[in-house]
Amino acid sequence: ESACLLHVGRAEEGARLGELALAGIDDAFVRN
């Protein structure tokens, strides 16, 4: 969702959602 917001020009929202996403991705998925 963060990537989609960046593509459509809503970078501030993308940054906020991306920060939240980082807390929810399992540590083992280093590339993600």
Full PDB file with SEQRES, HELIX, SHEET, SSBOND, CRYST1, ORIGX, SCALE, CONECT and MASTER records, all heavy atoms in Angstrom:
SEQRES   1 A   32  GLU SER ALA CYS LEU LEU HIS VAL GLY ARG ALA GLU GLU          
SEQRES   2 A   32  GLY ALA ARG LEU GLY GLU LEU ALA LEU ALA GLY ILE ASP          
SEQRES   3 A   32  ASP ALA PHE VAL ARG ASN                                      
HELIX    1 AA1 SER A    2  HIS A    7  1                                   6    
HELIX    2 AA2 ALA A   11  GLY A   24  1                                  14    
CRYST1    1.000    1.000    1.000  90.00  90.00  90.00 P 1           1          
ORIGX1      1.000000  0.000000  0.000000        0.00000                         
ORIGX2      0.000000  1.000000  0.000000        0.00000                         
ORIGX3      0.000000  0.000000  1.000000        0.00000                         
SCALE1      1.000000  0.000000  0.000000        0.00000                         
SCALE2      0.000000  1.000000  0.000000        0.00000                         
SCALE3      0.000000  0.000000  1.000000        0.00000                         
ATOM      1  N   GLU A   1       0.832  -1.198   0.000  1.00  0.00           N  
ATOM      2  CA  GLU A   1       0.000   0.000   0.000  1.00  0.00           C  
ATOM      3  C   GLU A   1       0.870   1.253   0.000  1.00  0.00           C  
ATOM      4  O   GLU A   1       0.562   2.246  -0.676  1.00  0.00           O  
ATOM      5  CB  GLU A   1      -0.930  -0.010   1.213  1.00  0.00           C  
ATOM      6  CG  GLU A   1      -1.964   1.101   1.181  1.00  0.00           C  
ATOM      7  CD  GLU A   1      -3.025   0.945   2.253  1.00  0.00           C  
ATOM      8  OE1 GLU A   1      -2.900   0.037   3.105  1.00  0.00           O  
ATOM      9  OE2 GLU A   1      -3.987   1.733   2.238  1.00  0.00           O  
ATOM     10  N   SER A   2       1.977   1.207   0.730  1.00  0.00           N  
ATOM     11  CA  SER A   2       2.921   2.324   0.730  1.00  0.00           C  
ATOM     12  C   SER A   2       3.485   2.563  -0.667  1.00  0.00           C  
ATOM     13  O   SER A   2       3.586   3.705  -1.132  1.00  0.00           O  
ATOM     14  CB  SER A   2       4.056   2.032   1.717  1.00  0.00           C  
ATOM     15  OG  SER A   2       5.105   2.963   1.591  1.00  0.00           O  
ATOM     16  N   ALA A   3       3.833   1.476  -1.368  1.00  0.00           N  
ATOM     17  CA  ALA A   3       4.362   1.598  -2.730  1.00  0.00           C  
ATOM     18  C   ALA A   3       3.319   2.193  -3.668  1.00  0.00           C  
ATOM     19  O   ALA A   3       3.637   3.037  -4.524  1.00  0.00           O  
ATOM     20  CB  ALA A   3       4.809   0.230  -3.235  1.00  0.00           C  
ATOM     21  N   CYS A   4       2.075   1.754  -3.514  1.00  0.00           N  
ATOM     22  CA  CYS A   4       1.006   2.279  -4.373  1.00  0.00           C  
ATOM     23  C   CYS A   4       0.818   3.778  -4.159  1.00  0.00           C  
ATOM     24  O   CYS A   4       0.645   4.542  -5.121  1.00  0.00           O  
ATOM     25  CB  CYS A   4      -0.301   1.534  -4.093  1.00  0.00           C  
ATOM     26  SG  CYS A   4      -0.300  -0.203  -4.602  1.00  0.00           S  
ATOM     27  N   LEU A   5       0.865   4.216  -2.907  1.00  0.00           N  
ATOM     28  CA  LEU A   5       0.707   5.635  -2.614  1.00  0.00           C  
ATOM     29  C   LEU A   5       1.847   6.452  -3.215  1.00  0.00           C  
ATOM     30  O   LEU A   5       1.637   7.560  -3.716  1.00  0.00           O  
ATOM     31  CB  LEU A   5       0.635   5.845  -1.094  1.00  0.00           C  
ATOM     32  CG  LEU A   5      -0.659   5.358  -0.433  1.00  0.00           C  
ATOM     33  CD1 LEU A   5      -0.505   5.304   1.085  1.00  0.00           C  
ATOM     34  CD2 LEU A   5      -1.832   6.264  -0.813  1.00  0.00           C  
ATOM     35  N   LEU A   6       3.046   5.900  -3.172  1.00  0.00           N  
ATOM     36  CA  LEU A   6       4.181   6.595  -3.791  1.00  0.00           C  
ATOM     37  C   LEU A   6       3.971   6.734  -5.293  1.00  0.00           C  
ATOM     38  O   LEU A   6       4.229   7.790  -5.878  1.00  0.00           O  
ATOM     39  CB  LEU A   6       5.476   5.838  -3.485  1.00  0.00           C  
ATOM     40  CG  LEU A   6       6.766   6.437  -4.069  1.00  0.00           C  
ATOM     41  CD1 LEU A   6       7.015   7.848  -3.538  1.00  0.00           C  
ATOM     42  CD2 LEU A   6       7.957   5.533  -3.744  1.00  0.00           C  
ATOM     43  N   HIS A   7       3.484   5.677  -5.937  1.00  0.00           N  
ATOM     44  CA  HIS A   7       3.261   5.707  -7.389  1.00  0.00           C  
ATOM     45  C   HIS A   7       2.242   6.766  -7.794  1.00  0.00           C  
ATOM     46  O   HIS A   7       2.353   7.380  -8.855  1.00  0.00           O  
ATOM     47  CB  HIS A   7       2.780   4.339  -7.885  1.00  0.00           C  
ATOM     48  CG  HIS A   7       3.878   3.357  -8.106  1.00  0.00           C  
ATOM     49  ND1 HIS A   7       4.986   3.617  -8.885  1.00  0.00           N  
ATOM     50  CD2 HIS A   7       4.032   2.076  -7.656  1.00  0.00           C  
ATOM     51  CE1 HIS A   7       5.775   2.564  -8.902  1.00  0.00           C  
ATOM     52  NE2 HIS A   7       5.225   1.616  -8.156  1.00  0.00           N  
ATOM     53  N   VAL A   8       1.243   6.981  -6.942  1.00  0.00           N  
ATOM     54  CA  VAL A   8       0.178   7.923  -7.318  1.00  0.00           C  
ATOM     55  C   VAL A   8       0.409   9.312  -6.726  1.00  0.00           C  
ATOM     56  O   VAL A   8      -0.494  10.148  -6.709  1.00  0.00           O  
ATOM     57  CB  VAL A   8      -1.214   7.393  -6.907  1.00  0.00           C  
ATOM     58  CG1 VAL A   8      -1.512   6.081  -7.617  1.00  0.00           C  
ATOM     59  CG2 VAL A   8      -1.345   7.237  -5.390  1.00  0.00           C  
ATOM     60  N   GLY A   9       1.633   9.560  -6.231  1.00  0.00           N  
ATOM     61  CA  GLY A   9       2.001  10.903  -5.806  1.00  0.00           C  
ATOM     62  C   GLY A   9       1.606  11.284  -4.405  1.00  0.00           C  
ATOM     63  O   GLY A   9       1.544  12.481  -4.078  1.00  0.00           O  
ATOM     64  N   ARG A  10       1.352  10.307  -3.525  1.00  0.00           N  
ATOM     65  CA  ARG A  10       0.969  10.598  -2.140  1.00  0.00           C  
ATOM     66  C   ARG A  10       2.065  10.082  -1.207  1.00  0.00           C  
ATOM     67  O   ARG A  10       1.889   9.176  -0.413  1.00  0.00           O  
ATOM     68  CB  ARG A  10      -0.394   9.978  -1.829  1.00  0.00           C  
ATOM     69  CG  ARG A  10      -1.518  10.618  -2.647  1.00  0.00           C  
ATOM     70  CD  ARG A  10      -2.763   9.748  -2.741  1.00  0.00           C  
ATOM     71  NE  ARG A  10      -3.363   9.464  -1.455  1.00  0.00           N  
ATOM     72  CZ  ARG A  10      -4.423   8.678  -1.288  1.00  0.00           C  
ATOM     73  NH1 ARG A  10      -4.984   8.104  -2.358  1.00  0.00           N  
ATOM     74  NH2 ARG A  10      -4.922   8.461  -0.096  1.00  0.00           N  
ATOM     75  N   ALA A  11       3.236  10.712  -1.342  1.00  0.00           N  
ATOM     76  CA  ALA A  11       4.438  10.229  -0.668  1.00  0.00           C  
ATOM     77  C   ALA A  11       4.340  10.331   0.851  1.00  0.00           C  
ATOM     78  O   ALA A  11       4.843   9.446   1.565  1.00  0.00           O  
ATOM     79  CB  ALA A  11       5.663  10.992  -1.165  1.00  0.00           C  
ATOM     80  N   GLU A  12       3.732  11.401   1.382  1.00  0.00           N  
ATOM     81  CA  GLU A  12       3.644  11.547   2.839  1.00  0.00           C  
ATOM     82  C   GLU A  12       2.867  10.385   3.459  1.00  0.00           C  
ATOM     83  O   GLU A  12       3.293   9.802   4.458  1.00  0.00           O  
ATOM     84  CB  GLU A  12       2.971  12.878   3.212  1.00  0.00           C  
ATOM     85  CG  GLU A  12       3.778  14.105   2.855  1.00  0.00           C  
ATOM     86  CD  GLU A  12       3.507  14.592   1.446  1.00  0.00           C  
ATOM     87  OE1 GLU A  12       2.842  13.856   0.669  1.00  0.00           O  
ATOM     88  OE2 GLU A  12       3.958  15.702   1.110  1.00  0.00           O  
ATOM     89  N   GLU A  13       1.741  10.030   2.845  1.00  0.00           N  
ATOM     90  CA  GLU A  13       0.970   8.890   3.335  1.00  0.00           C  
ATOM     91  C   GLU A  13       1.754   7.589   3.161  1.00  0.00           C  
ATOM     92  O   GLU A  13       1.702   6.695   4.011  1.00  0.00           O  
ATOM     93  CB  GLU A  13      -0.356   8.779   2.593  1.00  0.00           C  
ATOM     94  CG  GLU A  13      -1.331   9.911   2.855  1.00  0.00           C  
ATOM     95  CD  GLU A  13      -2.594   9.749   2.025  1.00  0.00           C  
ATOM     96  OE1 GLU A  13      -3.354   8.808   2.302  1.00  0.00           O  
ATOM     97  OE2 GLU A  13      -2.799  10.550   1.094  1.00  0.00           O  
ATOM     98  N   GLY A  14       2.484   7.493   2.056  1.00  0.00           N  
ATOM     99  CA  GLY A  14       3.294   6.301   1.816  1.00  0.00           C  
ATOM    100  C   GLY A  14       4.355   6.114   2.880  1.00  0.00           C  
ATOM    101  O   GLY A  14       4.600   4.989   3.332  1.00  0.00           O  
ATOM    102  N   ALA A  15       4.981   7.208   3.305  1.00  0.00           N  
ATOM    103  CA  ALA A  15       5.999   7.123   4.355  1.00  0.00           C  
ATOM    104  C   ALA A  15       5.382   6.646   5.668  1.00  0.00           C  
ATOM    105  O   ALA A  15       5.931   5.783   6.359  1.00  0.00           O  
ATOM    106  CB  ALA A  15       6.671   8.480   4.545  1.00  0.00           C  
ATOM    107  N   ARG A  16       4.218   7.217   6.003  1.00  0.00           N  
ATOM    108  CA  ARG A  16       3.566   6.840   7.267  1.00  0.00           C  
ATOM    109  C   ARG A  16       3.180   5.367   7.276  1.00  0.00           C  
ATOM    110  O   ARG A  16       3.456   4.644   8.240  1.00  0.00           O  
ATOM    111  CB  ARG A  16       2.332   7.717   7.475  1.00  0.00           C  
ATOM    112  CG  ARG A  16       1.559   7.410   8.755  1.00  0.00           C  
ATOM    113  CD  ARG A  16       0.367   8.351   8.914  1.00  0.00           C  
ATOM    114  NE  ARG A  16      -0.544   8.278   7.775  1.00  0.00           N  
ATOM    115  CZ  ARG A  16      -1.476   7.336   7.629  1.00  0.00           C  
ATOM    116  NH1 ARG A  16      -1.594   6.368   8.528  1.00  0.00           N  
ATOM    117  NH2 ARG A  16      -2.278   7.344   6.580  1.00  0.00           N  
ATOM    118  N   LEU A  17       2.565   4.890   6.201  1.00  0.00           N  
ATOM    119  CA  LEU A  17       2.158   3.484   6.150  1.00  0.00           C  
ATOM    120  C   LEU A  17       3.367   2.557   6.070  1.00  0.00           C  
ATOM    121  O   LEU A  17       3.358   1.456   6.637  1.00  0.00           O  
ATOM    122  CB  LEU A  17       1.241   3.255   4.949  1.00  0.00           C  
ATOM    123  CG  LEU A  17      -0.209   3.707   5.112  1.00  0.00           C  
ATOM    124  CD1 LEU A  17      -0.986   3.468   3.828  1.00  0.00           C  
ATOM    125  CD2 LEU A  17      -0.874   2.979   6.271  1.00  0.00           C  
ATOM    126  N   GLY A  18       4.406   2.993   5.360  1.00  0.00           N  
ATOM    127  CA  GLY A  18       5.607   2.171   5.265  1.00  0.00           C  
ATOM    128  C   GLY A  18       6.276   1.981   6.609  1.00  0.00           C  
ATOM    129  O   GLY A  18       6.762   0.884   6.933  1.00  0.00           O  
ATOM    130  N   GLU A  19       6.313   3.044   7.426  1.00  0.00           N  
ATOM    131  CA  GLU A  19       6.899   2.931   8.768  1.00  0.00           C  
ATOM    132  C   GLU A  19       6.120   1.912   9.598  1.00  0.00           C  
ATOM    133  O   GLU A  19       6.712   1.108  10.329  1.00  0.00           O  
ATOM    134  CB  GLU A  19       6.868   4.293   9.466  1.00  0.00           C  
ATOM    135  CG  GLU A  19       7.690   5.383   8.789  1.00  0.00           C  
ATOM    136  CD  GLU A  19       9.141   5.406   9.222  1.00  0.00           C  
ATOM    137  OE1 GLU A  19       9.567   4.445   9.891  1.00  0.00           O  
ATOM    138  OE2 GLU A  19       9.835   6.372   8.875  1.00  0.00           O  
ATOM    139  N   LEU A  20       4.795   1.937   9.496  1.00  0.00           N  
ATOM    140  CA  LEU A  20       3.977   0.964  10.227  1.00  0.00           C  
ATOM    141  C   LEU A  20       4.215  -0.450   9.706  1.00  0.00           C  
ATOM    142  O   LEU A  20       4.256  -1.412  10.476  1.00  0.00           O  
ATOM    143  CB  LEU A  20       2.496   1.332  10.097  1.00  0.00           C  
ATOM    144  CG  LEU A  20       2.046   2.631  10.773  1.00  0.00           C  
ATOM    145  CD1 LEU A  20       0.591   2.929  10.420  1.00  0.00           C  
ATOM    146  CD2 LEU A  20       2.222   2.541  12.289  1.00  0.00           C  
ATOM    147  N   ALA A  21       4.384  -0.580   8.386  1.00  0.00           N  
ATOM    148  CA  ALA A  21       4.590  -1.901   7.789  1.00  0.00           C  
ATOM    149  C   ALA A  21       5.870  -2.548   8.295  1.00  0.00           C  
ATOM    150  O   ALA A  21       5.936  -3.770   8.495  1.00  0.00           O  
ATOM    151  CB  ALA A  21       4.621  -1.786   6.270  1.00  0.00           C  
ATOM    152  N   LEU A  22       6.912  -1.737   8.511  1.00  0.00           N  
ATOM    153  CA  LEU A  22       8.195  -2.286   8.964  1.00  0.00           C  
ATOM    154  C   LEU A  22       8.050  -3.034  10.288  1.00  0.00           C  
ATOM    155  O   LEU A  22       8.753  -4.018  10.519  1.00  0.00           O  
ATOM    156  CB  LEU A  22       9.224  -1.160   9.114  1.00  0.00           C  
ATOM    157  CG  LEU A  22       9.788  -0.593   7.816  1.00  0.00           C  
ATOM    158  CD1 LEU A  22      10.619   0.648   8.088  1.00  0.00           C  
ATOM    159  CD2 LEU A  22      10.628  -1.648   7.095  1.00  0.00           C  
ATOM    160  N   ALA A  23       7.147  -2.567  11.131  1.00  0.00           N  
ATOM    161  CA  ALA A  23       6.952  -3.230  12.421  1.00  0.00           C  
ATOM    162  C   ALA A  23       6.213  -4.558  12.280  1.00  0.00           C  
ATOM    163  O   ALA A  23       6.281  -5.403  13.171  1.00  0.00           O  
ATOM    164  CB  ALA A  23       6.186  -2.309  13.373  1.00  0.00           C  
ATOM    165  N   GLY A  24       5.522  -4.755  11.140  1.00  0.00           N  
ATOM    166  CA  GLY A  24       4.700  -5.947  10.982  1.00  0.00           C  
ATOM    167  C   GLY A  24       5.300  -7.033  10.115  1.00  0.00           C  
ATOM    168  O   GLY A  24       4.705  -8.097   9.950  1.00  0.00           O  
ATOM    169  N   ILE A  25       6.478  -6.788   9.512  1.00  0.00           N  
ATOM    170  CA  ILE A  25       7.125  -7.784   8.658  1.00  0.00           C  
ATOM    171  C   ILE A  25       8.064  -8.629   9.501  1.00  0.00           C  
ATOM    172  O   ILE A  25       8.872  -8.104  10.267  1.00  0.00           O  
ATOM    173  CB  ILE A  25       7.893  -7.108   7.505  1.00  0.00           C  
ATOM    174  CG1 ILE A  25       6.921  -6.317   6.620  1.00  0.00           C  
ATOM    175  CG2 ILE A  25       8.644  -8.143   6.671  1.00  0.00           C  
ATOM    176  CD1 ILE A  25       7.613  -5.502   5.535  1.00  0.00           C  
ATOM    177  N   ASP A  26       7.964  -9.935   9.360  1.00  0.00           N  
ATOM    178  CA  ASP A  26       8.787 -10.851  10.139  1.00  0.00           C  
ATOM    179  C   ASP A  26      10.269 -10.609   9.879  1.00  0.00           C  
ATOM    180  O   ASP A  26      10.682 -10.354   8.755  1.00  0.00           O  
ATOM    181  CB  ASP A  26       8.423 -12.297   9.774  1.00  0.00           C  
ATOM    182  CG  ASP A  26       9.057 -13.295  10.728  1.00  0.00           C  
ATOM    183  OD1 ASP A  26      10.255 -13.594  10.562  1.00  0.00           O  
ATOM    184  OD2 ASP A  26       8.360 -13.779  11.633  1.00  0.00           O  
ATOM    185  N   ASP A  27      11.079 -10.723  10.954  1.00  0.00           N  
ATOM    186  CA  ASP A  27      12.511 -10.457  10.850  1.00  0.00           C  
ATOM    187  C   ASP A  27      13.214 -11.351   9.830  1.00  0.00           C  
ATOM    188  O   ASP A  27      14.258 -10.969   9.279  1.00  0.00           O  
ATOM    189  CB  ASP A  27      13.189 -10.680  12.214  1.00  0.00           C  
ATOM    190  CG  ASP A  27      12.561  -9.860  13.314  1.00  0.00           C  
ATOM    191  OD1 ASP A  27      11.785  -8.946  12.990  1.00  0.00           O  
ATOM    192  OD2 ASP A  27      12.851 -10.129  14.493  1.00  0.00           O  
ATOM    193  N   ALA A  28      12.683 -12.555   9.595  1.00  0.00           N  
ATOM    194  CA  ALA A  28      13.351 -13.500   8.706  1.00  0.00           C  
ATOM    195  C   ALA A  28      13.270 -13.088   7.238  1.00  0.00           C  
ATOM    196  O   ALA A  28      14.036 -13.589   6.422  1.00  0.00           O  
ATOM    197  CB  ALA A  28      12.748 -14.897   8.870  1.00  0.00           C  
ATOM    198  N   PHE A  29      12.357 -12.166   6.909  1.00  0.00           N  
ATOM    199  CA  PHE A  29      12.214 -11.746   5.515  1.00  0.00           C  
ATOM    200  C   PHE A  29      13.022 -10.474   5.298  1.00  0.00           C  
ATOM    201  O   PHE A  29      12.494  -9.366   5.186  1.00  0.00           O  
ATOM    202  CB  PHE A  29      10.735 -11.576   5.168  1.00  0.00           C  
ATOM    203  CG  PHE A  29       9.937 -12.829   5.401  1.00  0.00           C  
ATOM    204  CD1 PHE A  29       8.914 -12.872   6.330  1.00  0.00           C  
ATOM    205  CD2 PHE A  29      10.242 -13.992   4.702  1.00  0.00           C  
ATOM    206  CE1 PHE A  29       8.200 -14.040   6.553  1.00  0.00           C  
ATOM    207  CE2 PHE A  29       9.534 -15.165   4.920  1.00  0.00           C  
ATOM    208  CZ  PHE A  29       8.510 -15.192   5.850  1.00  0.00           C  
ATOM    209  N   VAL A  30      14.339 -10.669   5.238  1.00  0.00           N  
ATOM    210  CA  VAL A  30      15.269  -9.538   5.214  1.00  0.00           C  
ATOM    211  C   VAL A  30      15.076  -8.688   3.958  1.00  0.00           C  
ATOM    212  O   VAL A  30      15.098  -7.460   4.028  1.00  0.00           O  
ATOM    213  CB  VAL A  30      16.725 -10.048   5.312  1.00  0.00           C  
ATOM    214  CG1 VAL A  30      17.713  -8.883   5.261  1.00  0.00           C  
ATOM    215  CG2 VAL A  30      16.918 -10.853   6.600  1.00  0.00           C  
ATOM    216  N   ARG A  31      14.887  -9.338   2.823  1.00  0.00           N  
ATOM    217  CA  ARG A  31      14.701  -8.582   1.572  1.00  0.00           C  
ATOM    218  C   ARG A  31      13.455  -7.704   1.652  1.00  0.00           C  
ATOM    219  O   ARG A  31      13.487  -6.533   1.237  1.00  0.00           O  
ATOM    220  CB  ARG A  31      14.597  -9.546   0.393  1.00  0.00           C  
ATOM    221  CG  ARG A  31      14.272  -8.886  -0.942  1.00  0.00           C  
ATOM    222  CD  ARG A  31      14.261  -9.916  -2.069  1.00  0.00           C  
ATOM    223  NE  ARG A  31      13.651 -11.147  -1.618  1.00  0.00           N  
ATOM    224  CZ  ARG A  31      14.206 -12.362  -1.766  1.00  0.00           C  
ATOM    225  NH1 ARG A  31      15.339 -12.508  -2.401  1.00  0.00           N  
ATOM    226  NH2 ARG A  31      13.598 -13.434  -1.313  1.00  0.00           N  
ATOM    227  N   ASN A  32      12.357  -8.234   2.191  1.00  0.00           N  
ATOM    228  CA  ASN A  32      11.129  -7.450   2.307  1.00  0.00           C  
ATOM    229  C   ASN A  32      11.327  -6.240   3.216  1.00  0.00           C  
ATOM    230  O   ASN A  32      10.851  -5.141   2.928  1.00  0.00           O  
ATOM    231  CB  ASN A  32       9.985  -8.324   2.841  1.00  0.00           C  
ATOM    232  CG  ASN A  32       9.582  -9.407   1.863  1.00  0.00           C  
ATOM    233  OD1 ASN A  32      10.041  -9.428   0.725  1.00  0.00           O  
ATOM    234  ND2 ASN A  32       8.730 -10.302   2.301  1.00  0.00           N  
TER     235      ASN A  32                                                      
MASTER        0    0    0    2    0    0    0    6  234    1    0    3          
END                                                                             
